[in-house]
Amino acid sequence: MDKEFILSQFETIEKKVEKLIAICKSLEKTNLELRNKIGKLEEDLQSKVLTENSYTEERTLIRSKIDNLLVKLKQVENIGEN
């Protein structure tokens, strides 16, 4: 084989390898960005879950207080009927 042909082939391979390296670096950067975005979304979701749990607890407490007040009103109503 001709020496220039071999050198040309090596240059072609080198350019392809450099292109692959650039693609890998780009994909690594994208991967990191996506992992960071996932982390942020998980934090947001956890915050919303905590808020929803707090809301549910508050709602349960309010419901309990209302039920207690209704029982007391019923007792007062029953006393008034006697």
PDB file of N, CA and C in Angstrom:
ATOM      1  N   MET A   1       0.830  -1.188   0.000  1.00  0.00           N
ATOM      2  CA  MET A   1       0.000   0.000   0.000  1.00  0.00           C
ATOM      3  C   MET A   1       0.867   1.241   0.000  1.00  0.00           C
ATOM      4  N   ASP A   2       0.298   2.252  -0.531  1.00  0.00           N
ATOM      5  CA  ASP A   2       0.976   3.542  -0.630  1.00  0.00           C
ATOM      6  C   ASP A   2       1.024   4.209   0.745  1.00  0.00           C
ATOM      7  N   LYS A   3       2.166   4.791   1.098  1.00  0.00           N
ATOM      8  CA  LYS A   3       2.341   5.455   2.395  1.00  0.00           C
ATOM      9  C   LYS A   3       1.335   6.587   2.580  1.00  0.00           C
ATOM     10  N   GLU A   4       1.098   7.381   1.563  1.00  0.00           N
ATOM     11  CA  GLU A   4       0.145   8.489   1.646  1.00  0.00           C
ATOM     12  C   GLU A   4      -1.275   7.987   1.873  1.00  0.00           C
ATOM     13  N   PHE A   5      -1.608   6.881   1.266  1.00  0.00           N
ATOM     14  CA  PHE A   5      -2.941   6.292   1.447  1.00  0.00           C
ATOM     15  C   PHE A   5      -3.136   5.867   2.905  1.00  0.00           C
ATOM     16  N   ILE A   6      -2.111   5.250   3.464  1.00  0.00           N
ATOM     17  CA  ILE A   6      -2.185   4.817   4.867  1.00  0.00           C
ATOM     18  C   ILE A   6      -2.312   6.023   5.791  1.00  0.00           C
ATOM     19  N   LEU A   7      -1.504   7.052   5.528  1.00  0.00           N
ATOM     20  CA  LEU A   7      -1.597   8.273   6.344  1.00  0.00           C
ATOM     21  C   LEU A   7      -2.973   8.912   6.207  1.00  0.00           C
ATOM     22  N   SER A   8      -3.512   8.895   5.021  1.00  0.00           N
ATOM     23  CA  SER A   8      -4.849   9.437   4.787  1.00  0.00           C
ATOM     24  C   SER A   8      -5.901   8.659   5.577  1.00  0.00           C
ATOM     25  N   GLN A   9      -5.746   7.348   5.604  1.00  0.00           N
ATOM     26  CA  GLN A   9      -6.676   6.512   6.362  1.00  0.00           C
ATOM     27  C   GLN A   9      -6.583   6.811   7.858  1.00  0.00           C
ATOM     28  N   PHE A  10      -5.354   6.986   8.348  1.00  0.00           N
ATOM     29  CA  PHE A  10      -5.179   7.330   9.755  1.00  0.00           C
ATOM     30  C   PHE A  10      -5.813   8.686  10.075  1.00  0.00           C
ATOM     31  N   GLU A  11      -5.659   9.648   9.192  1.00  0.00           N
ATOM     32  CA  GLU A  11      -6.273  10.965   9.387  1.00  0.00           C
ATOM     33  C   GLU A  11      -7.795  10.842   9.427  1.00  0.00           C
ATOM     34  N   THR A  12      -8.333  10.053   8.534  1.00  0.00           N
ATOM     35  CA  THR A  12      -9.780   9.845   8.506  1.00  0.00           C
ATOM     36  C   THR A  12     -10.247   9.218   9.817  1.00  0.00           C
ATOM     37  N   ILE A  13      -9.518   8.210  10.256  1.00  0.00           N
ATOM     38  CA  ILE A  13      -9.870   7.545  11.522  1.00  0.00           C
ATOM     39  C   ILE A  13      -9.747   8.524  12.685  1.00  0.00           C
ATOM     40  N   GLU A  14      -8.675   9.306  12.677  1.00  0.00           N
ATOM     41  CA  GLU A  14      -8.461  10.281  13.752  1.00  0.00           C
ATOM     42  C   GLU A  14      -9.601  11.299  13.805  1.00  0.00           C
ATOM     43  N   LYS A  15     -10.036  11.775  12.644  1.00  0.00           N
ATOM     44  CA  LYS A  15     -11.141  12.732  12.598  1.00  0.00           C
ATOM     45  C   LYS A  15     -12.432  12.101  13.121  1.00  0.00           C
ATOM     46  N   LYS A  16     -12.665  10.842  12.772  1.00  0.00           N
ATOM     47  CA  LYS A  16     -13.864  10.152  13.250  1.00  0.00           C
ATOM     48  C   LYS A  16     -13.813   9.945  14.760  1.00  0.00           C
ATOM     49  N   VAL A  17     -12.641   9.613  15.269  1.00  0.00           N
ATOM     50  CA  VAL A  17     -12.471   9.432  16.716  1.00  0.00           C
ATOM     51  C   VAL A  17     -12.709  10.766  17.426  1.00  0.00           C
ATOM     52  N   GLU A  18     -12.138  11.843  16.905  1.00  0.00           N
ATOM     53  CA  GLU A  18     -12.348  13.170  17.498  1.00  0.00           C
ATOM     54  C   GLU A  18     -13.834  13.529  17.497  1.00  0.00           C
ATOM     55  N   LYS A  19     -14.519  13.202  16.404  1.00  0.00           N
ATOM     56  CA  LYS A  19     -15.951  13.480  16.310  1.00  0.00           C
ATOM     57  C   LYS A  19     -16.724  12.669  17.355  1.00  0.00           C
ATOM     58  N   LEU A  20     -16.338  11.404  17.521  1.00  0.00           N
ATOM     59  CA  LEU A  20     -16.984  10.560  18.524  1.00  0.00           C
ATOM     60  C   LEU A  20     -16.737  11.082  19.938  1.00  0.00           C
ATOM     61  N   ILE A  21     -15.521  11.554  20.190  1.00  0.00           N
ATOM     62  CA  ILE A  21     -15.192  12.123  21.502  1.00  0.00           C
ATOM     63  C   ILE A  21     -16.055  13.357  21.762  1.00  0.00           C
ATOM     64  N   ALA A  22     -16.198  14.211  20.753  1.00  0.00           N
ATOM     65  CA  ALA A  22     -17.023  15.409  20.898  1.00  0.00           C
ATOM     66  C   ALA A  22     -18.480  15.027  21.175  1.00  0.00           C
ATOM     67  N   ILE A  23     -18.968  14.020  20.473  1.00  0.00           N
ATOM     68  CA  ILE A  23     -20.344  13.555  20.691  1.00  0.00           C
ATOM     69  C   ILE A  23     -20.494  13.016  22.111  1.00  0.00           C
ATOM     70  N   CYS A  24     -19.525  12.243  22.570  1.00  0.00           N
ATOM     71  CA  CYS A  24     -19.572  11.693  23.931  1.00  0.00           C
ATOM     72  C   CYS A  24     -19.593  12.805  24.976  1.00  0.00           C
ATOM     73  N   LYS A  25     -18.750  13.809  24.788  1.00  0.00           N
ATOM     74  CA  LYS A  25     -18.718  14.937  25.729  1.00  0.00           C
ATOM     75  C   LYS A  25     -20.066  15.663  25.738  1.00  0.00           C
ATOM     76  N   SER A  26     -20.629  15.847  24.561  1.00  0.00           N
ATOM     77  CA  SER A  26     -21.928  16.503  24.459  1.00  0.00           C
ATOM     78  C   SER A  26     -23.009  15.679  25.160  1.00  0.00           C
ATOM     79  N   LEU A  27     -22.962  14.372  24.962  1.00  0.00           N
ATOM     80  CA  LEU A  27     -23.946  13.496  25.605  1.00  0.00           C
ATOM     81  C   LEU A  27     -23.757  13.462  27.122  1.00  0.00           C
ATOM     82  N   GLU A  28     -22.502  13.503  27.578  1.00  0.00           N
ATOM     83  CA  GLU A  28     -22.242  13.562  29.010  1.00  0.00           C
ATOM     84  C   GLU A  28     -22.811  14.841  29.616  1.00  0.00           C
ATOM     85  N   LYS A  29     -22.629  15.948  28.900  1.00  0.00           N
ATOM     86  CA  LYS A  29     -23.165  17.226  29.377  1.00  0.00           C
ATOM     87  C   LYS A  29     -24.688  17.173  29.433  1.00  0.00           C
ATOM     88  N   THR A  30     -25.307  16.647  28.392  1.00  0.00           N
ATOM     89  CA  THR A  30     -26.765  16.522  28.360  1.00  0.00           C
ATOM     90  C   THR A  30     -27.246  15.603  29.478  1.00  0.00           C
ATOM     91  N   ASN A  31     -26.524  14.513  29.680  1.00  0.00           N
ATOM     92  CA  ASN A  31     -26.874  13.564  30.735  1.00  0.00           C
ATOM     93  C   ASN A  31     -26.820  14.237  32.100  1.00  0.00           C
ATOM     94  N   LEU A  32     -25.784  15.008  32.353  1.00  0.00           N
ATOM     95  CA  LEU A  32     -25.653  15.724  33.619  1.00  0.00           C
ATOM     96  C   LEU A  32     -26.807  16.710  33.796  1.00  0.00           C
ATOM     97  N   GLU A  33     -27.121  17.451  32.742  1.00  0.00           N
ATOM     98  CA  GLU A  33     -28.233  18.410  32.811  1.00  0.00           C
ATOM     99  C   GLU A  33     -29.547  17.691  33.127  1.00  0.00           C
ATOM    100  N   LEU A  34     -29.759  16.552  32.486  1.00  0.00           N
ATOM    101  CA  LEU A  34     -30.993  15.795  32.731  1.00  0.00           C
ATOM    102  C   LEU A  34     -31.028  15.233  34.153  1.00  0.00           C
ATOM    103  N   ARG A  35     -29.872  14.766  34.639  1.00  0.00           N
ATOM    104  CA  ARG A  35     -29.825  14.267  36.020  1.00  0.00           C
ATOM    105  C   ARG A  35     -30.123  15.392  37.012  1.00  0.00           C
ATOM    106  N   ASN A  36     -29.593  16.575  36.749  1.00  0.00           N
ATOM    107  CA  ASN A  36     -29.878  17.722  37.611  1.00  0.00           C
ATOM    108  C   ASN A  36     -31.358  18.087  37.560  1.00  0.00           C
ATOM    109  N   LYS A  37     -31.916  18.037  36.368  1.00  0.00           N
ATOM    110  CA  LYS A  37     -33.341  18.343  36.219  1.00  0.00           C
ATOM    111  C   LYS A  37     -34.197  17.315  36.959  1.00  0.00           C
ATOM    112  N   ILE A  38     -33.813  16.051  36.870  1.00  0.00           N
ATOM    113  CA  ILE A  38     -34.535  14.998  37.588  1.00  0.00           C
ATOM    114  C   ILE A  38     -34.449  15.254  39.092  1.00  0.00           C
ATOM    115  N   GLY A  39     -33.263  15.603  39.568  1.00  0.00           N
ATOM    116  CA  GLY A  39     -33.090  15.909  40.994  1.00  0.00           C
ATOM    117  C   GLY A  39     -33.988  17.048  41.437  1.00  0.00           C
ATOM    118  N   LYS A  40     -34.048  18.091  40.638  1.00  0.00           N
ATOM    119  CA  LYS A  40     -34.907  19.239  40.969  1.00  0.00           C
ATOM    120  C   LYS A  40     -36.370  18.834  40.964  1.00  0.00           C
ATOM    121  N   LEU A  41     -36.771  18.061  39.962  1.00  0.00           N
ATOM    122  CA  LEU A  41     -38.158  17.612  39.895  1.00  0.00           C
ATOM    123  C   LEU A  41     -38.506  16.711  41.080  1.00  0.00           C
ATOM    124  N   GLU A  42     -37.567  15.867  41.491  1.00  0.00           N
ATOM    125  CA  GLU A  42     -37.806  15.016  42.662  1.00  0.00           C
ATOM    126  C   GLU A  42     -37.956  15.856  43.928  1.00  0.00           C
ATOM    127  N   GLU A  43     -37.132  16.895  44.062  1.00  0.00           N
ATOM    128  CA  GLU A  43     -37.250  17.805  45.209  1.00  0.00           C
ATOM    129  C   GLU A  43     -38.607  18.505  45.191  1.00  0.00           C
ATOM    130  N   ASP A  44     -39.005  18.997  44.019  1.00  0.00           N
ATOM    131  CA  ASP A  44     -40.300  19.667  43.898  1.00  0.00           C
ATOM    132  C   ASP A  44     -41.437  18.715  44.244  1.00  0.00           C
ATOM    133  N   LEU A  45     -41.344  17.490  43.751  1.00  0.00           N
ATOM    134  CA  LEU A  45     -42.375  16.498  44.028  1.00  0.00           C
ATOM    135  C   LEU A  45     -42.444  16.200  45.524  1.00  0.00           C
ATOM    136  N   GLN A  46     -41.285  16.026  46.150  1.00  0.00           N
ATOM    137  CA  GLN A  46     -41.257  15.760  47.593  1.00  0.00           C
ATOM    138  C   GLN A  46     -41.875  16.917  48.361  1.00  0.00           C
ATOM    139  N   SER A  47     -41.577  18.128  47.959  1.00  0.00           N
ATOM    140  CA  SER A  47     -42.155  19.300  48.606  1.00  0.00           C
ATOM    141  C   SER A  47     -43.678  19.303  48.462  1.00  0.00           C
ATOM    142  N   LYS A  48     -44.153  18.966  47.273  1.00  0.00           N
ATOM    143  CA  LYS A  48     -45.594  18.935  47.043  1.00  0.00           C
ATOM    144  C   LYS A  48     -46.264  17.816  47.835  1.00  0.00           C
ATOM    145  N   VAL A  49     -45.587  16.687  47.965  1.00  0.00           N
ATOM    146  CA  VAL A  49     -46.128  15.582  48.759  1.00  0.00           C
ATOM    147  C   VAL A  49     -46.245  16.014  50.223  1.00  0.00           C
ATOM    148  N   LEU A  50     -45.202  16.675  50.732  1.00  0.00           N
ATOM    149  CA  LEU A  50     -45.244  17.156  52.116  1.00  0.00           C
ATOM    150  C   LEU A  50     -46.362  18.172  52.313  1.00  0.00           C
ATOM    151  N   THR A  51     -46.517  19.062  51.347  1.00  0.00           N
ATOM    152  CA  THR A  51     -47.587  20.057  51.422  1.00  0.00           C
ATOM    153  C   THR A  51     -48.952  19.378  51.403  1.00  0.00           C
ATOM    154  N   GLU A  52     -49.110  18.395  50.529  1.00  0.00           N
ATOM    155  CA  GLU A  52     -50.379  17.672  50.442  1.00  0.00           C
ATOM    156  C   GLU A  52     -50.656  16.910  51.740  1.00  0.00           C
ATOM    157  N   ASN A  53     -49.632  16.293  52.311  1.00  0.00           N
ATOM    158  CA  ASN A  53     -49.810  15.582  53.584  1.00  0.00           C
ATOM    159  C   ASN A  53     -50.216  16.546  54.689  1.00  0.00           C
ATOM    160  N   SER A  54     -49.586  17.699  54.707  1.00  0.00           N
ATOM    161  CA  SER A  54     -49.925  18.717  55.699  1.00  0.00           C
ATOM    162  C   SER A  54     -51.374  19.173  55.517  1.00  0.00           C
ATOM    163  N   TYR A  55     -51.772  19.375  54.277  1.00  0.00           N
ATOM    164  CA  TYR A  55     -53.137  19.779  53.965  1.00  0.00           C
ATOM    165  C   TYR A  55     -54.126  18.699  54.417  1.00  0.00           C
ATOM    166  N   THR A  56     -53.787  17.439  54.172  1.00  0.00           N
ATOM    167  CA  THR A  56     -54.661  16.336  54.557  1.00  0.00           C
ATOM    168  C   THR A  56     -54.801  16.266  56.074  1.00  0.00           C
ATOM    169  N   GLU A  57     -53.675  16.436  56.779  1.00  0.00           N
ATOM    170  CA  GLU A  57     -53.723  16.435  58.240  1.00  0.00           C
ATOM    171  C   GLU A  57     -54.590  17.589  58.755  1.00  0.00           C
ATOM    172  N   GLU A  58     -54.413  18.763  58.170  1.00  0.00           N
ATOM    173  CA  GLU A  58     -55.189  19.927  58.577  1.00  0.00           C
ATOM    174  C   GLU A  58     -56.678  19.694  58.317  1.00  0.00           C
ATOM    175  N   ARG A  59     -56.981  19.139  57.164  1.00  0.00           N
ATOM    176  CA  ARG A  59     -58.367  18.855  56.804  1.00  0.00           C
ATOM    177  C   ARG A  59     -58.983  17.829  57.768  1.00  0.00           C
ATOM    178  N   THR A  60     -58.215  16.811  58.128  1.00  0.00           N
ATOM    179  CA  THR A  60     -58.688  15.801  59.074  1.00  0.00           C
ATOM    180  C   THR A  60     -58.950  16.434  60.434  1.00  0.00           C
ATOM    181  N   LEU A  61     -58.044  17.297  60.867  1.00  0.00           N
ATOM    182  CA  LEU A  61     -58.214  17.984  62.147  1.00  0.00           C
ATOM    183  C   LEU A  61     -59.471  18.850  62.129  1.00  0.00           C
ATOM    184  N   ILE A  62     -59.657  19.597  61.061  1.00  0.00           N
ATOM    185  CA  ILE A  62     -60.839  20.461  60.944  1.00  0.00           C
ATOM    186  C   ILE A  62     -62.102  19.619  60.937  1.00  0.00           C
ATOM    187  N   ARG A  63     -62.072  18.510  60.180  1.00  0.00           N
ATOM    188  CA  ARG A  63     -63.233  17.616  60.120  1.00  0.00           C
ATOM    189  C   ARG A  63     -63.563  17.066  61.510  1.00  0.00           C
ATOM    190  N   SER A  64     -62.531  16.706  62.268  1.00  0.00           N
ATOM    191  CA  SER A  64     -62.708  16.187  63.617  1.00  0.00           C
ATOM    192  C   SER A  64     -63.341  17.236  64.527  1.00  0.00           C
ATOM    193  N   LYS A  65     -62.853  18.462  64.429  1.00  0.00           N
ATOM    194  CA  LYS A  65     -63.405  19.542  65.257  1.00  0.00           C
ATOM    195  C   LYS A  65     -64.875  19.810  64.899  1.00  0.00           C
ATOM    196  N   ILE A  66     -65.168  19.796  63.607  1.00  0.00           N
ATOM    197  CA  ILE A  66     -66.560  19.997  63.170  1.00  0.00           C
ATOM    198  C   ILE A  66     -67.445  18.876  63.700  1.00  0.00           C
ATOM    199  N   ASP A  67     -66.972  17.646  63.593  1.00  0.00           N
ATOM    200  CA  ASP A  67     -67.741  16.506  64.101  1.00  0.00           C
ATOM    201  C   ASP A  67     -67.983  16.636  65.598  1.00  0.00           C
ATOM    202  N   ASN A  68     -66.945  17.042  66.343  1.00  0.00           N
ATOM    203  CA  ASN A  68     -67.106  17.246  67.791  1.00  0.00           C
ATOM    204  C   ASN A  68     -68.129  18.334  68.085  1.00  0.00           C
ATOM    205  N   LEU A  69     -68.075  19.421  67.317  1.00  0.00           N
ATOM    206  CA  LEU A  69     -69.052  20.497  67.519  1.00  0.00           C
ATOM    207  C   LEU A  69     -70.471  20.016  67.198  1.00  0.00           C
ATOM    208  N   LEU A  70     -70.615  19.218  66.168  1.00  0.00           N
ATOM    209  CA  LEU A  70     -71.937  18.681  65.825  1.00  0.00           C
ATOM    210  C   LEU A  70     -72.458  17.760  66.924  1.00  0.00           C
ATOM    211  N   VAL A  71     -71.569  16.972  67.527  1.00  0.00           N
ATOM    212  CA  VAL A  71     -71.971  16.106  68.642  1.00  0.00           C
ATOM    213  C   VAL A  71     -72.427  16.961  69.815  1.00  0.00           C
ATOM    214  N   LYS A  72     -71.681  18.012  70.123  1.00  0.00           N
ATOM    215  CA  LYS A  72     -72.065  18.898  71.229  1.00  0.00           C
ATOM    216  C   LYS A  72     -73.395  19.578  70.944  1.00  0.00           C
ATOM    217  N   LEU A  73     -73.591  20.028  69.695  1.00  0.00           N
ATOM    218  CA  LEU A  73     -74.863  20.650  69.337  1.00  0.00           C
ATOM    219  C   LEU A  73     -76.017  19.654  69.484  1.00  0.00           C
ATOM    220  N   LYS A  74     -75.762  18.418  69.103  1.00  0.00           N
ATOM    221  CA  LYS A  74     -76.777  17.367  69.223  1.00  0.00           C
ATOM    222  C   LYS A  74     -77.106  17.124  70.687  1.00  0.00           C
ATOM    223  N   GLN A  75     -76.068  17.150  71.544  1.00  0.00           N
ATOM    224  CA  GLN A  75     -76.290  16.957  72.971  1.00  0.00           C
ATOM    225  C   GLN A  75     -77.114  18.103  73.532  1.00  0.00           C
ATOM    226  N   VAL A  76     -76.806  19.342  73.120  1.00  0.00           N
ATOM    227  CA  VAL A  76     -77.555  20.508  73.598  1.00  0.00           C
ATOM    228  C   VAL A  76     -78.991  20.405  73.090  1.00  0.00           C
ATOM    229  N   GLU A  77     -79.157  19.976  71.892  1.00  0.00           N
ATOM    230  CA  GLU A  77     -80.501  19.811  71.312  1.00  0.00           C
ATOM    231  C   GLU A  77     -81.300  18.772  72.092  1.00  0.00           C
ATOM    232  N   ASN A  78     -80.639  17.680  72.460  1.00  0.00           N
ATOM    233  CA  ASN A  78     -81.309  16.624  73.215  1.00  0.00           C
ATOM    234  C   ASN A  78     -81.656  17.093  74.617  1.00  0.00           C
ATOM    235  N   ILE A  79     -80.802  17.919  75.239  1.00  0.00           N
ATOM    236  CA  ILE A  79     -81.080  18.461  76.579  1.00  0.00           C
ATOM    237  C   ILE A  79     -82.293  19.391  76.489  1.00  0.00           C
ATOM    238  N   GLY A  80     -82.366  20.173  75.437  1.00  0.00           N
ATOM    239  CA  GLY A  80     -83.476  21.116  75.282  1.00  0.00           C
ATOM    240  C   GLY A  80     -84.786  20.402  75.055  1.00  0.00           C
ATOM    241  N   GLU A  81     -84.768  19.224  74.518  1.00  0.00           N
ATOM    242  CA  GLU A  81     -85.999  18.473  74.252  1.00  0.00           C
ATOM    243  C   GLU A  81     -86.521  17.813  75.506  1.00  0.00           C
ATOM    244  N   ASN A  82     -85.683  17.607  76.502  1.00  0.00           N
ATOM    245  CA  ASN A  82     -86.105  16.921  77.734  1.00  0.00           C
ATOM    246  C   ASN A  82     -86.749  17.840  78.679  1.00  0.00           C
TER     247      ASN A  82
END
